[in-house]
Amino acid sequence: MAELLDRTFPARTEDLSAVRAAVREACQRAHCTEEASEQVVLAINEACMNIIKHGYGFAAGQGFTLRMGVNDDVLMVQLLDNGLPAKMRICAHGNCTSCGPAGWAYGSCAN
């Protein structure tokens, strides 16, 4: 994998602008379109916010590592943290749209 980014960020909402800037730069280096770059930025920002809010509960002194690279023309992203794990359960509704493929859900099903 051709490395584009390997950096640890503080798990603080005020540092998310630095995360977004680093992701934009990595996407440019990967020759992503502007539209694709902004979609990646949005997805990673949301994932980081989930780490900060749900994984660490906004606790001070925490961090996460963001790694990005390209492998066979596929953009690869890894987010590594030490926060609380997500609680997964199998939805009784099966393959519903609110739970995603195979009925896996985080939290509660909307059905």
Protein backbone atom coordinates (compact mmCIF):
# COMPACT_ATOMS: atom_id res chain seq x y z
CA MET A 1 0.00 0.00 0.00
CA ALA A 2 1.31 3.46 -0.93
CA GLU A 3 1.07 5.49 2.26
CA LEU A 4 -0.65 8.87 2.07
CA LEU A 5 -1.18 9.65 5.76
CA ASP A 6 -0.21 8.13 9.11
CA ARG A 7 -0.86 10.60 11.89
CA THR A 8 -2.19 10.65 15.42
CA PHE A 9 -4.64 13.42 16.28
CA PRO A 10 -6.00 14.57 19.64
CA ALA A 11 -9.57 13.30 20.10
CA ARG A 12 -11.05 16.79 20.44
CA THR A 13 -13.74 18.41 18.31
CA GLU A 14 -11.62 21.54 17.93
CA ASP A 15 -8.96 19.45 16.14
CA LEU A 16 -11.30 18.06 13.49
CA SER A 17 -10.42 20.90 11.10
CA ALA A 18 -6.82 19.62 11.08
CA VAL A 19 -8.12 16.11 10.35
CA ARG A 20 -10.21 17.40 7.43
CA ALA A 21 -7.24 19.32 6.03
CA ALA A 22 -4.99 16.26 6.25
CA VAL A 23 -7.63 14.08 4.56
CA ARG A 24 -8.10 16.63 1.73
CA GLU A 25 -4.35 16.68 1.16
CA ALA A 26 -4.16 12.88 1.13
CA CYS A 27 -7.05 12.72 -1.35
CA GLN A 28 -5.29 15.21 -3.62
CA ARG A 29 -2.13 13.10 -3.51
CA ALA A 30 -4.30 10.08 -4.43
CA HIS A 31 -5.70 12.03 -7.42
CA CYS A 32 -9.30 11.83 -6.18
CA THR A 33 -11.84 14.10 -7.80
CA GLU A 34 -12.99 17.10 -5.77
CA GLU A 35 -16.41 15.50 -5.27
CA ALA A 36 -14.91 12.20 -4.12
CA SER A 37 -12.49 14.04 -1.83
CA GLU A 38 -15.31 15.92 -0.11
CA GLN A 39 -17.27 12.69 0.37
CA VAL A 40 -14.21 11.05 1.95
CA VAL A 41 -13.64 14.12 4.16
CA LEU A 42 -17.27 14.02 5.32
CA ALA A 43 -17.19 10.28 6.06
CA ILE A 44 -13.91 10.44 7.98
CA ASN A 45 -15.02 13.54 9.91
CA GLU A 46 -18.18 11.67 11.00
CA ALA A 47 -16.18 8.59 11.99
CA CYS A 48 -13.78 10.74 14.03
CA MET A 49 -16.69 12.50 15.73
CA ASN A 50 -18.09 9.08 16.64
CA ILE A 51 -14.75 8.16 18.23
CA ILE A 52 -14.69 11.42 20.21
CA LYS A 53 -18.33 11.26 21.31
CA HIS A 54 -19.11 7.57 21.67
CA GLY A 55 -15.69 5.97 22.08
CA TYR A 56 -14.20 8.47 24.51
CA GLY A 57 -17.27 10.33 25.78
CA PHE A 58 -15.44 13.65 25.12
CA ALA A 59 -12.80 12.68 27.73
CA ALA A 60 -9.64 14.80 27.70
CA GLY A 61 -6.22 13.43 26.82
CA GLN A 62 -7.36 10.86 24.24
CA GLY A 63 -6.31 10.42 20.62
CA PHE A 64 -6.78 8.39 17.47
CA THR A 65 -4.58 7.47 14.53
CA LEU A 66 -5.67 8.02 10.96
CA ARG A 67 -3.96 6.06 8.20
CA MET A 68 -4.70 6.47 4.52
CA GLY A 69 -3.14 4.83 1.51
CA VAL A 70 -3.75 3.57 -1.99
CA ASN A 71 -3.67 -0.11 -2.88
CA ASP A 72 -4.40 -1.16 -6.48
CA ASP A 73 -6.20 2.17 -7.15
CA VAL A 74 -8.40 1.73 -4.06
CA LEU A 75 -8.29 4.37 -1.33
CA MET A 76 -7.79 2.63 2.02
CA VAL A 77 -8.62 4.26 5.37
CA GLN A 78 -7.90 3.03 8.89
CA LEU A 79 -8.99 4.77 12.08
CA LEU A 80 -7.45 3.37 15.24
CA ASP A 81 -8.57 4.29 18.75
CA ASN A 82 -8.75 2.90 22.26
CA GLY A 83 -12.31 3.99 22.99
CA LEU A 84 -15.24 1.90 24.10
CA PRO A 85 -16.30 -0.66 21.47
CA ALA A 86 -19.57 -0.29 19.59
CA LYS A 87 -22.28 -2.64 20.77
CA MET A 88 -23.47 -4.65 17.81
CA ARG A 89 -26.56 -6.78 17.72
CA ILE A 90 -28.47 -8.67 15.07
CA CYS A 91 -31.71 -6.96 14.10
CA ALA A 92 -34.82 -9.10 14.29
CA HIS A 93 -36.09 -7.49 11.07
CA GLY A 94 -33.34 -9.02 8.95
CA ASN A 95 -32.04 -6.90 6.11
CA CYS A 96 -33.84 -3.60 6.81
CA THR A 97 -32.54 -0.29 5.47
CA SER A 98 -31.96 1.28 8.89
CA CYS A 99 -29.78 -1.63 10.03
CA GLY A 100 -27.78 -2.18 6.87
CA PRO A 101 -26.67 -5.37 5.16
CA ALA A 102 -27.37 -8.66 6.89
CA GLY A 103 -29.35 -6.90 9.61
CA TRP A 104 -26.37 -5.76 11.68
CA ALA A 105 -27.20 -2.70 13.75
CA TYR A 106 -25.45 -0.26 16.03
CA GLY A 107 -27.80 0.89 18.77
CA SER A 108 -31.49 0.47 18.02
CA CYS A 109 -33.39 -0.33 14.84
CA ALA A 110 -35.85 2.29 13.57
CA ASN A 111 -38.42 -0.39 12.71
